[in-house]
């Protein structure tokens, strides 16, 4: 499959420099970079969903504290002034 995209001159120059540095075709380098970012994005989304689910599970099991308790602990931990 072939996709045409428009790049700013600055991004195109960076891509060409990377391809030259690695001795690879610019299309291959672009495809590899896109693959990496898409894989990272998928992992990041999965981790976020897992974190949210963990928080929901903790809440359902009664493992939580009020915002005031949290704020107090953070003020103490980081030596923030109290109001």
Protein backbone atom coordinates (compact mmCIF):
# COMPACT_ATOMS: atom_id res chain seq x y z
CA UNK A 1 0.00 0.00 0.00
CA UNK A 2 1.24 3.45 -0.81
CA UNK A 3 0.41 6.60 1.15
CA UNK A 4 1.56 10.09 0.23
CA UNK A 5 2.12 12.57 3.06
CA UNK A 6 3.31 16.16 3.09
CA UNK A 7 6.16 17.05 5.41
CA UNK A 8 7.48 20.43 6.38
CA UNK A 9 10.92 21.14 4.90
CA UNK A 10 12.43 20.87 8.38
CA UNK A 11 10.96 17.43 9.06
CA UNK A 12 11.89 16.20 5.60
CA UNK A 13 15.47 17.35 6.16
CA UNK A 14 15.63 15.52 9.51
CA UNK A 15 14.23 12.37 7.91
CA UNK A 16 16.71 12.56 5.04
CA UNK A 17 19.60 13.10 7.48
CA UNK A 18 18.54 10.05 9.52
CA UNK A 19 18.21 7.90 6.39
CA UNK A 20 21.63 9.02 5.15
CA UNK A 21 23.22 8.45 8.56
CA UNK A 22 21.78 4.93 8.71
CA UNK A 23 22.48 4.19 5.05
CA UNK A 24 18.85 3.29 4.42
CA UNK A 25 16.14 4.32 2.02
CA UNK A 26 14.12 7.28 3.29
CA UNK A 27 10.84 5.38 2.81
CA UNK A 28 12.09 2.52 4.97
CA UNK A 29 13.21 4.90 7.71
CA UNK A 30 9.85 6.70 7.64
CA UNK A 31 7.98 3.38 7.84
CA UNK A 32 10.14 2.22 10.77
CA UNK A 33 9.56 5.47 12.65
CA UNK A 34 5.81 5.32 12.08
CA UNK A 35 5.74 1.70 13.22
CA UNK A 36 7.60 2.57 16.44
CA UNK A 37 5.34 5.49 17.30
CA UNK A 38 2.18 3.50 16.60
CA UNK A 39 3.43 0.63 18.77
CA UNK A 40 4.37 3.09 21.55
CA UNK A 41 0.96 4.74 21.34
CA UNK A 42 -0.82 1.39 21.60
CA UNK A 43 1.28 0.39 24.65
CA UNK A 44 0.72 3.78 26.25
CA UNK A 45 -3.05 3.46 25.80
CA UNK A 46 -3.02 -0.06 27.24
CA UNK A 47 -1.03 1.11 30.27
CA UNK A 48 -3.41 4.02 30.83
CA UNK A 49 -6.44 1.74 30.67
CA UNK A 50 -4.78 -0.72 33.07
CA UNK A 51 -4.00 2.11 35.49
CA UNK A 52 -7.55 3.40 35.38
CA UNK A 53 -8.91 -0.11 35.92
CA UNK A 54 -6.55 -0.61 38.87
CA UNK A 55 -7.80 2.63 40.39
CA UNK A 56 -11.42 1.58 39.91
CA UNK A 57 -10.69 -1.80 41.47
CA UNK A 58 -9.01 -0.14 44.45
CA UNK A 59 -11.98 2.18 44.88
CA UNK A 60 -14.43 -0.71 44.82
CA UNK A 61 -12.35 -2.50 47.47
CA UNK A 62 -12.29 0.60 49.67
CA UNK A 63 -8.60 1.31 49.09
CA UNK A 64 -8.71 5.05 48.66
CA UNK A 65 -8.35 8.29 50.59
CA UNK A 66 -10.05 11.63 50.39
CA UNK A 67 -8.56 14.49 48.44
CA UNK A 68 -7.91 16.36 51.69
CA UNK A 69 -5.87 13.41 53.00
CA UNK A 70 -3.95 13.21 49.74
CA UNK A 71 -3.31 16.97 49.65
CA UNK A 72 -2.10 16.93 53.26
CA UNK A 73 0.33 14.09 52.56
CA UNK A 74 1.69 15.90 49.49
CA UNK A 75 2.15 19.15 51.41
CA UNK A 76 4.08 17.25 54.06
CA UNK A 77 6.10 15.20 51.57
CA UNK A 78 7.16 18.25 49.52
CA UNK A 79 7.22 20.79 52.35
CA UNK A 80 4.48 22.91 50.82
CA UNK A 81 3.02 25.58 53.06
CA UNK A 82 -0.30 24.80 54.68
CA UNK A 83 -3.23 27.17 54.32
